[in-house]
Every structure is written in C-alpha cells, then in structure tokens.
C-alpha cells in the first residue's frame, strides 16, 4: 500500500475535512483496513503572508513540508488547499516525490462533464492567479473570475470567516448571488469551488442550476485512487 503525505493546515478546517473524506471513501470498498497517511500541518497565516509578499519564500516553506513528508515515508503528496497551487509547478520541480494537483483533478472532471466556461471562486490569490485558467485552457475550457469588487468581498470573508471555521448564512447567500450574476452575465455553465473551505460552505452539487465542482471531493477521489494503485 502506498503512503500519502498531506501538506495541511492551510487551513486547519479543510485539512480535517480531507482526512475525514479520505477515510470514508477508503472504508466504502475496504472496511477492514485503513490508508497510510502522514500530515504535516503548516501555519495558514504565514502561508497567506508569503503568498502575497514573498513567493520564493512560499516555495521554500512548502518544499520543506514536502521534504519532511518524503523523509517520513510518504510515496506521494497532496496539498489540502487550492491557494498554494499558485506555485505548484515550482514545487514539482523541487519535490523528491510526486505531487497530486487539485487543479488537474478538477479540470479532468469538468472536461468529463462537457463544461466549457466555468466561474472560479476562492481566495483572491486563486481567483486572480493563472494556474486555474492555464490548466483548463489546455483542455479547451475557459475560466471566469468574479468582478474586482466581488473578489474583494469573497476574499475578505474567506480569510476572516471560513479559514477560522465560521460559516454564516449571509456569506453563503452572498456567494450564491455572485454565482447567479456570473451565470446570467458571463454565461458560465459551471462553477469551481476553488477553495477547500468553500466546499464546507456550499455543499450542494448544483448552485443556481449549474454544476458546482467540489475541488476537495475531486482531489480526494484522485488521492484514494493513487493510494489504491
């Protein structure tokens, strides 16, 4: 059996969710056993600071975590968050073990469903980054971000509430309103819940009558397949 290494803590709530989902999915087909998992929990506040102010230091911070996981016996690793994927390619180049991308997992499912134009929700760094549009463009799909004002509103609540485990109806309603506008004005046919805490806020498979891609669930699916392989 392979051993998974999780770069966690970015933030803690989503790391807990990853661990729970991996165990549940594993147990469905192998109830008499458990997967081998190692978690290295990082500081979400430090991570967000480095994303915004010092990308080279962020690469080193995440690379050190991957190296610790590899030294502890992990055969492959995954980051339990979307935002750190802003430096995913740089991490792959430095990593002693394979890294499983949440973006590739999501793009594969979007392509399987025949989606062509998807809205992207997440932290400001995710919504304004190029890593989702680049990966999806390779598969012939477009990614649309909310307006600057909407991005600021979502980011502030993401950092101020969701990362702390605070989930409010007012925030949920506001995010749904953003999806509604993107569907009506930007003609999206799906929405990427590109923040692992967003999947805790919005648990429905459909939002405003379009598919909502749960990036945590898709990443977990890919992780469990790799563990079984």
C-alpha atoms as a PDB file:
ATOM      1  CA  UNK A   1       0.000   0.000   0.000  1.00  0.00           C
ATOM      2  CA  UNK A   2       1.226   3.488  -0.841  1.00  0.00           C
ATOM      3  CA  UNK A   3       1.597   6.176   1.842  1.00  0.00           C
ATOM      4  CA  UNK A   4       0.075   9.619   1.330  1.00  0.00           C
ATOM      5  CA  UNK A   5       1.686  12.796   2.622  1.00  0.00           C
ATOM      6  CA  UNK A   6      -0.634  15.777   3.164  1.00  0.00           C
ATOM      7  CA  UNK A   7       0.629  19.348   3.318  1.00  0.00           C
ATOM      8  CA  UNK A   8      -2.031  20.554   5.727  1.00  0.00           C
ATOM      9  CA  UNK A   9      -3.013  23.469   7.922  1.00  0.00           C
ATOM     10  CA  UNK A  10      -3.809  25.822   5.041  1.00  0.00           C
ATOM     11  CA  UNK A  11      -6.282  25.981   6.727  1.00  0.00           C
ATOM     12  CA  UNK A  12      -6.988  23.500   9.502  1.00  0.00           C
ATOM     13  CA  UNK A  13     -10.714  23.007   8.789  1.00  0.00           C
ATOM     14  CA  UNK A  14     -10.099  21.809   5.253  1.00  0.00           C
ATOM     15  CA  UNK A  15      -7.295  19.514   6.414  1.00  0.00           C
ATOM     16  CA  UNK A  16      -9.698  17.854   8.860  1.00  0.00           C
ATOM     17  CA  UNK A  17     -12.234  17.557   6.037  1.00  0.00           C
ATOM     18  CA  UNK A  18      -9.656  15.927   3.743  1.00  0.00           C
ATOM     19  CA  UNK A  19      -8.705  13.378   6.399  1.00  0.00           C
ATOM     20  CA  UNK A  20     -12.334  12.508   7.113  1.00  0.00           C
ATOM     21  CA  UNK A  21     -13.275  12.193   3.436  1.00  0.00           C
ATOM     22  CA  UNK A  22     -10.252  10.035   2.576  1.00  0.00           C
ATOM     23  CA  UNK A  23     -11.069   7.633   5.402  1.00  0.00           C
ATOM     24  CA  UNK A  24     -14.756   7.485   4.459  1.00  0.00           C
ATOM     25  CA  UNK A  25     -14.050   6.856   0.789  1.00  0.00           C
ATOM     26  CA  UNK A  26     -11.458   4.206   1.600  1.00  0.00           C
ATOM     27  CA  UNK A  27     -13.800   2.393   4.003  1.00  0.00           C
ATOM     28  CA  UNK A  28     -16.532   2.062   1.384  1.00  0.00           C
ATOM     29  CA  UNK A  29     -14.549  -0.553  -0.517  1.00  0.00           C
ATOM     30  CA  UNK A  30     -12.085  -1.730   2.147  1.00  0.00           C
ATOM     31  CA  UNK A  31     -13.897  -1.588   5.504  1.00  0.00           C
ATOM     32  CA  UNK A  32     -11.404  -3.854   7.235  1.00  0.00           C
ATOM     33  CA  UNK A  33      -8.373  -1.639   6.605  1.00  0.00           C
ATOM     34  CA  UNK A  34      -7.225   1.997   6.712  1.00  0.00           C
ATOM     35  CA  UNK A  35      -4.979   4.017   4.398  1.00  0.00           C
ATOM     36  CA  UNK A  36      -1.487   5.108   5.393  1.00  0.00           C
ATOM     37  CA  UNK A  37      -1.438   8.914   5.811  1.00  0.00           C
ATOM     38  CA  UNK A  38       1.129  11.393   7.141  1.00  0.00           C
ATOM     39  CA  UNK A  39       0.082  15.026   7.747  1.00  0.00           C
ATOM     40  CA  UNK A  40       2.458  17.983   8.089  1.00  0.00           C
ATOM     41  CA  UNK A  41       0.399  20.915   9.383  1.00  0.00           C
ATOM     42  CA  UNK A  42       1.608  24.392   8.435  1.00  0.00           C
ATOM     43  CA  UNK A  43       0.711  27.902   9.650  1.00  0.00           C
ATOM     44  CA  UNK A  44      -2.084  29.332   7.482  1.00  0.00           C
ATOM     45  CA  UNK A  45      -1.330  32.954   8.476  1.00  0.00           C
ATOM     46  CA  UNK A  46       2.310  32.571   7.494  1.00  0.00           C
ATOM     47  CA  UNK A  47       1.281  30.864   4.274  1.00  0.00           C
ATOM     48  CA  UNK A  48      -1.088  33.676   3.273  1.00  0.00           C
ATOM     49  CA  UNK A  49       1.552  36.292   4.073  1.00  0.00           C
ATOM     50  CA  UNK A  50       4.077  34.531   1.855  1.00  0.00           C
ATOM     51  CA  UNK A  51       1.566  34.102  -0.991  1.00  0.00           C
ATOM     52  CA  UNK A  52       1.069  37.853  -1.048  1.00  0.00           C
ATOM     53  CA  UNK A  53       4.551  39.139  -0.270  1.00  0.00           C
ATOM     54  CA  UNK A  54       7.266  36.529  -0.918  1.00  0.00           C
ATOM     55  CA  UNK A  55       6.610  33.755  -3.426  1.00  0.00           C
ATOM     56  CA  UNK A  56      10.189  32.372  -3.331  1.00  0.00           C
ATOM     57  CA  UNK A  57       9.880  32.000   0.457  1.00  0.00           C
ATOM     58  CA  UNK A  58       6.475  30.343  -0.043  1.00  0.00           C
ATOM     59  CA  UNK A  59       8.068  27.814  -2.399  1.00  0.00           C
ATOM     60  CA  UNK A  60      10.703  27.014   0.205  1.00  0.00           C
ATOM     61  CA  UNK A  61       8.113  26.815   3.014  1.00  0.00           C
ATOM     62  CA  UNK A  62       6.008  24.317   1.075  1.00  0.00           C
ATOM     63  CA  UNK A  63       9.029  22.434  -0.290  1.00  0.00           C
ATOM     64  CA  UNK A  64      10.323  21.914   3.255  1.00  0.00           C
ATOM     65  CA  UNK A  65       6.965  20.383   4.170  1.00  0.00           C
ATOM     66  CA  UNK A  66       7.091  18.015   1.197  1.00  0.00           C
ATOM     67  CA  UNK A  67      10.636  17.008   2.095  1.00  0.00           C
ATOM     68  CA  UNK A  68       9.554  16.240   5.666  1.00  0.00           C
ATOM     69  CA  UNK A  69       6.730  14.090   4.351  1.00  0.00           C
ATOM     70  CA  UNK A  70       9.064  12.231   1.996  1.00  0.00           C
ATOM     71  CA  UNK A  71      11.571  11.658   4.798  1.00  0.00           C
ATOM     72  CA  UNK A  72       8.753  10.272   6.959  1.00  0.00           C
ATOM     73  CA  UNK A  73       7.925   7.702   4.291  1.00  0.00           C
ATOM     74  CA  UNK A  74       5.309   9.321   2.026  1.00  0.00           C
ATOM     75  CA  UNK A  75       5.277   7.932  -1.513  1.00  0.00           C
ATOM     76  CA  UNK A  76       3.379  10.919  -2.919  1.00  0.00           C
ATOM     77  CA  UNK A  77       1.936  14.161  -1.549  1.00  0.00           C
ATOM     78  CA  UNK A  78      -1.020  16.484  -1.927  1.00  0.00           C
ATOM     79  CA  UNK A  79      -1.662  19.991  -0.642  1.00  0.00           C
ATOM     80  CA  UNK A  80      -5.010  20.237   1.149  1.00  0.00           C
ATOM     81  CA  UNK A  81      -5.736  23.703  -0.237  1.00  0.00           C
ATOM     82  CA  UNK A  82      -6.137  25.480  -3.579  1.00  0.00           C
ATOM     83  CA  UNK A  83      -4.187  28.687  -2.981  1.00  0.00           C
ATOM     84  CA  UNK A  84      -0.722  27.071  -2.569  1.00  0.00           C
ATOM     85  CA  UNK A  85      -1.121  25.646  -6.087  1.00  0.00           C
ATOM     86  CA  UNK A  86      -0.114  29.119  -7.270  1.00  0.00           C
ATOM     87  CA  UNK A  87       3.463  27.733  -7.046  1.00  0.00           C
ATOM     88  CA  UNK A  88       2.623  24.097  -7.865  1.00  0.00           C
ATOM     89  CA  UNK A  89       4.943  23.830 -10.885  1.00  0.00           C
ATOM     90  CA  UNK A  90       7.874  25.164  -8.870  1.00  0.00           C
ATOM     91  CA  UNK A  91       7.151  22.643  -6.107  1.00  0.00           C
ATOM     92  CA  UNK A  92       7.007  19.759  -8.577  1.00  0.00           C
ATOM     93  CA  UNK A  93      10.449  20.725  -9.857  1.00  0.00           C
ATOM     94  CA  UNK A  94      11.884  20.507  -6.329  1.00  0.00           C
ATOM     95  CA  UNK A  95       9.888  17.630  -4.894  1.00  0.00           C
ATOM     96  CA  UNK A  96      11.524  14.255  -4.168  1.00  0.00           C
ATOM     97  CA  UNK A  97       8.093  12.561  -4.521  1.00  0.00           C
ATOM     98  CA  UNK A  98       5.155  13.001  -6.953  1.00  0.00           C
ATOM     99  CA  UNK A  99       2.605  15.734  -6.152  1.00  0.00           C
ATOM    100  CA  UNK A 100      -1.093  15.306  -6.937  1.00  0.00           C
ATOM    101  CA  UNK A 101      -2.705  18.525  -8.257  1.00  0.00           C
ATOM    102  CA  UNK A 102      -6.156  19.640  -7.144  1.00  0.00           C
ATOM    103  CA  UNK A 103      -6.409  21.761 -10.320  1.00  0.00           C
ATOM    104  CA  UNK A 104      -5.773  18.819 -12.653  1.00  0.00           C
ATOM    105  CA  UNK A 105      -8.318  16.727 -10.758  1.00  0.00           C
ATOM    106  CA  UNK A 106     -10.937  19.450 -11.174  1.00  0.00           C
ATOM    107  CA  UNK A 107     -10.126  20.063 -14.843  1.00  0.00           C
ATOM    108  CA  UNK A 108     -10.472  16.372 -15.618  1.00  0.00           C
ATOM    109  CA  UNK A 109     -13.958  16.258 -14.101  1.00  0.00           C
ATOM    110  CA  UNK A 110     -15.057  19.466 -15.836  1.00  0.00           C
ATOM    111  CA  UNK A 111     -13.952  18.036 -19.164  1.00  0.00           C
ATOM    112  CA  UNK A 112     -15.710  14.745 -18.448  1.00  0.00           C
ATOM    113  CA  UNK A 113     -18.948  16.649 -17.856  1.00  0.00           C
ATOM    114  CA  UNK A 114     -18.579  18.605 -21.089  1.00  0.00           C
ATOM    115  CA  UNK A 115     -18.352  22.003 -19.384  1.00  0.00           C
ATOM    116  CA  UNK A 116     -16.857  24.834 -21.414  1.00  0.00           C
ATOM    117  CA  UNK A 117     -16.955  28.026 -19.348  1.00  0.00           C
ATOM    118  CA  UNK A 118     -16.616  27.941 -15.575  1.00  0.00           C
ATOM    119  CA  UNK A 119     -16.705  30.532 -12.823  1.00  0.00           C
ATOM    120  CA  UNK A 120     -13.907  30.388 -10.252  1.00  0.00           C
ATOM    121  CA  UNK A 121     -14.374  31.132  -6.546  1.00  0.00           C
ATOM    122  CA  UNK A 122     -11.665  31.066  -3.878  1.00  0.00           C
ATOM    123  CA  UNK A 123      -9.179  33.371  -2.207  1.00  0.00           C
ATOM    124  CA  UNK A 124      -8.114  36.475  -4.106  1.00  0.00           C
ATOM    125  CA  UNK A 125      -4.849  34.711  -4.957  1.00  0.00           C
ATOM    126  CA  UNK A 126      -6.739  31.835  -6.544  1.00  0.00           C
ATOM    127  CA  UNK A 127      -9.290  33.992  -8.383  1.00  0.00           C
ATOM    128  CA  UNK A 128      -6.592  36.323  -9.734  1.00  0.00           C
ATOM    129  CA  UNK A 129      -3.968  33.644 -10.376  1.00  0.00           C
ATOM    130  CA  UNK A 130      -3.188  31.996 -13.705  1.00  0.00           C
ATOM    131  CA  UNK A 131      -2.934  28.402 -12.501  1.00  0.00           C
ATOM    132  CA  UNK A 132      -6.609  27.502 -12.985  1.00  0.00           C
ATOM    133  CA  UNK A 133      -7.042  29.259 -16.365  1.00  0.00           C
ATOM    134  CA  UNK A 134      -3.796  27.752 -17.687  1.00  0.00           C
ATOM    135  CA  UNK A 135      -4.647  24.151 -16.780  1.00  0.00           C
ATOM    136  CA  UNK A 136      -8.248  24.449 -18.019  1.00  0.00           C
ATOM    137  CA  UNK A 137      -7.191  26.121 -21.274  1.00  0.00           C
ATOM    138  CA  UNK A 138      -5.073  23.067 -22.105  1.00  0.00           C
ATOM    139  CA  UNK A 139      -8.332  21.110 -22.155  1.00  0.00           C
ATOM    140  CA  UNK A 140     -10.242  23.690 -24.201  1.00  0.00           C
ATOM    141  CA  UNK A 141     -12.146  25.290 -21.305  1.00  0.00           C
ATOM    142  CA  UNK A 142     -12.351  28.904 -20.149  1.00  0.00           C
ATOM    143  CA  UNK A 143     -12.255  30.117 -16.533  1.00  0.00           C
ATOM    144  CA  UNK A 144     -14.053  33.318 -15.496  1.00  0.00           C
ATOM    145  CA  UNK A 145     -13.346  35.175 -12.244  1.00  0.00           C
ATOM    146  CA  UNK A 146     -15.807  37.451 -10.406  1.00  0.00           C
ATOM    147  CA  UNK A 147     -15.548  41.238 -10.680  1.00  0.00           C
ATOM    148  CA  UNK A 148     -12.850  43.064  -8.637  1.00  0.00           C
ATOM    149  CA  UNK A 149     -15.446  44.118  -6.064  1.00  0.00           C
ATOM    150  CA  UNK A 150     -16.798  40.581  -5.782  1.00  0.00           C
ATOM    151  CA  UNK A 151     -13.291  39.149  -5.469  1.00  0.00           C
ATOM    152  CA  UNK A 152     -12.535  41.506  -2.590  1.00  0.00           C
ATOM    153  CA  UNK A 153     -15.794  40.630  -0.836  1.00  0.00           C
ATOM    154  CA  UNK A 154     -15.251  36.869  -1.208  1.00  0.00           C
ATOM    155  CA  UNK A 155     -11.585  37.043  -0.162  1.00  0.00           C
ATOM    156  CA  UNK A 156     -12.319  39.085   2.964  1.00  0.00           C
ATOM    157  CA  UNK A 157     -14.918  36.596   4.127  1.00  0.00           C
ATOM    158  CA  UNK A 158     -12.772  33.652   3.159  1.00  0.00           C
ATOM    159  CA  UNK A 159      -9.861  34.834   5.279  1.00  0.00           C
ATOM    160  CA  UNK A 160     -11.917  36.460   8.021  1.00  0.00           C
ATOM    161  CA  UNK A 161     -14.510  33.706   8.434  1.00  0.00           C
ATOM    162  CA  UNK A 162     -14.071  30.466   6.510  1.00  0.00           C
ATOM    163  CA  UNK A 163     -10.432  29.826   7.400  1.00  0.00           C
ATOM    164  CA  UNK A 164     -11.443  30.188  11.051  1.00  0.00           C
ATOM    165  CA  UNK A 165     -14.260  27.676  10.700  1.00  0.00           C
ATOM    166  CA  UNK A 166     -17.010  30.330  10.757  1.00  0.00           C
ATOM    167  CA  UNK A 167     -19.769  29.619   8.219  1.00  0.00           C
ATOM    168  CA  UNK A 168     -22.643  32.123   8.064  1.00  0.00           C
ATOM    169  CA  UNK A 169     -25.866  32.163   6.061  1.00  0.00           C
ATOM    170  CA  UNK A 170     -25.180  35.763   4.982  1.00  0.00           C
ATOM    171  CA  UNK A 171     -21.854  34.724   3.441  1.00  0.00           C
ATOM    172  CA  UNK A 172     -23.430  31.687   1.768  1.00  0.00           C
ATOM    173  CA  UNK A 173     -26.179  33.860   0.266  1.00  0.00           C
ATOM    174  CA  UNK A 174     -23.630  36.387  -0.965  1.00  0.00           C
ATOM    175  CA  UNK A 175     -21.529  33.743  -2.702  1.00  0.00           C
ATOM    176  CA  UNK A 176     -24.638  32.300  -4.343  1.00  0.00           C
ATOM    177  CA  UNK A 177     -25.501  35.791  -5.606  1.00  0.00           C
ATOM    178  CA  UNK A 178     -22.070  36.047  -7.242  1.00  0.00           C
ATOM    179  CA  UNK A 179     -22.649  32.706  -8.992  1.00  0.00           C
ATOM    180  CA  UNK A 180     -26.059  33.933 -10.171  1.00  0.00           C
ATOM    181  CA  UNK A 181     -24.527  37.054 -11.719  1.00  0.00           C
ATOM    182  CA  UNK A 182     -21.757  35.069 -13.405  1.00  0.00           C
ATOM    183  CA  UNK A 183     -24.346  32.696 -14.877  1.00  0.00           C
ATOM    184  CA  UNK A 184     -26.586  35.488 -16.150  1.00  0.00           C
ATOM    185  CA  UNK A 185     -23.937  37.959 -17.344  1.00  0.00           C
ATOM    186  CA  UNK A 186     -20.866  35.845 -18.143  1.00  0.00           C
ATOM    187  CA  UNK A 187     -22.663  32.711 -19.367  1.00  0.00           C
ATOM    188  CA  UNK A 188     -20.834  30.247 -17.159  1.00  0.00           C
ATOM    189  CA  UNK A 189     -22.078  26.655 -17.321  1.00  0.00           C
ATOM    190  CA  UNK A 190     -20.372  25.503 -14.121  1.00  0.00           C
ATOM    191  CA  UNK A 191     -18.659  26.898 -11.033  1.00  0.00           C
ATOM    192  CA  UNK A 192     -15.385  25.803  -9.450  1.00  0.00           C
ATOM    193  CA  UNK A 193     -15.422  25.841  -5.656  1.00  0.00           C
ATOM    194  CA  UNK A 194     -11.735  26.679  -5.781  1.00  0.00           C
ATOM    195  CA  UNK A 195     -11.293  26.951  -2.038  1.00  0.00           C
ATOM    196  CA  UNK A 196     -11.424  23.865   0.119  1.00  0.00           C
ATOM    197  CA  UNK A 197     -13.386  25.791   2.774  1.00  0.00           C
ATOM    198  CA  UNK A 198     -15.959  26.797   0.155  1.00  0.00           C
ATOM    199  CA  UNK A 199     -17.000  23.179  -0.135  1.00  0.00           C
ATOM    200  CA  UNK A 200     -17.864  23.335   3.569  1.00  0.00           C
ATOM    201  CA  UNK A 201     -19.940  26.486   2.969  1.00  0.00           C
ATOM    202  CA  UNK A 202     -21.709  25.230  -0.175  1.00  0.00           C
ATOM    203  CA  UNK A 203     -22.355  21.513  -0.075  1.00  0.00           C
ATOM    204  CA  UNK A 204     -24.880  21.236  -2.935  1.00  0.00           C
ATOM    205  CA  UNK A 205     -23.962  19.609  -6.251  1.00  0.00           C
ATOM    206  CA  UNK A 206     -25.775  22.424  -8.079  1.00  0.00           C
ATOM    207  CA  UNK A 207     -25.652  26.175  -7.385  1.00  0.00           C
ATOM    208  CA  UNK A 208     -28.011  28.431  -9.341  1.00  0.00           C
ATOM    209  CA  UNK A 209     -28.907  25.481 -11.589  1.00  0.00           C
ATOM    210  CA  UNK A 210     -25.337  24.855 -12.758  1.00  0.00           C
ATOM    211  CA  UNK A 211     -22.857  22.183 -11.577  1.00  0.00           C
ATOM    212  CA  UNK A 212     -20.687  23.135  -8.608  1.00  0.00           C
ATOM    213  CA  UNK A 213     -17.350  21.313  -8.712  1.00  0.00           C
ATOM    214  CA  UNK A 214     -16.255  20.364  -5.203  1.00  0.00           C
ATOM    215  CA  UNK A 215     -12.469  20.556  -5.540  1.00  0.00           C
ATOM    216  CA  UNK A 216     -11.928  18.784  -2.222  1.00  0.00           C
ATOM    217  CA  UNK A 217     -14.032  15.796  -3.283  1.00  0.00           C
ATOM    218  CA  UNK A 218     -12.353  15.576  -6.685  1.00  0.00           C
ATOM    219  CA  UNK A 219      -8.892  15.801  -5.121  1.00  0.00           C
ATOM    220  CA  UNK A 220      -9.813  13.144  -2.553  1.00  0.00           C
ATOM    221  CA  UNK A 221     -11.044  10.861  -5.350  1.00  0.00           C
ATOM    222  CA  UNK A 222      -7.688  11.196  -7.103  1.00  0.00           C
ATOM    223  CA  UNK A 223      -5.811  10.655  -3.836  1.00  0.00           C
ATOM    224  CA  UNK A 224      -7.697   7.450  -2.976  1.00  0.00           C
ATOM    225  CA  UNK A 225      -7.185   6.091  -6.499  1.00  0.00           C
ATOM    226  CA  UNK A 226      -3.457   6.738  -6.129  1.00  0.00           C
ATOM    227  CA  UNK A 227      -3.396   5.116  -2.693  1.00  0.00           C
ATOM    228  CA  UNK A 228      -5.056   2.003  -4.083  1.00  0.00           C
ATOM    229  CA  UNK A 229      -2.688   1.861  -7.023  1.00  0.00           C
END
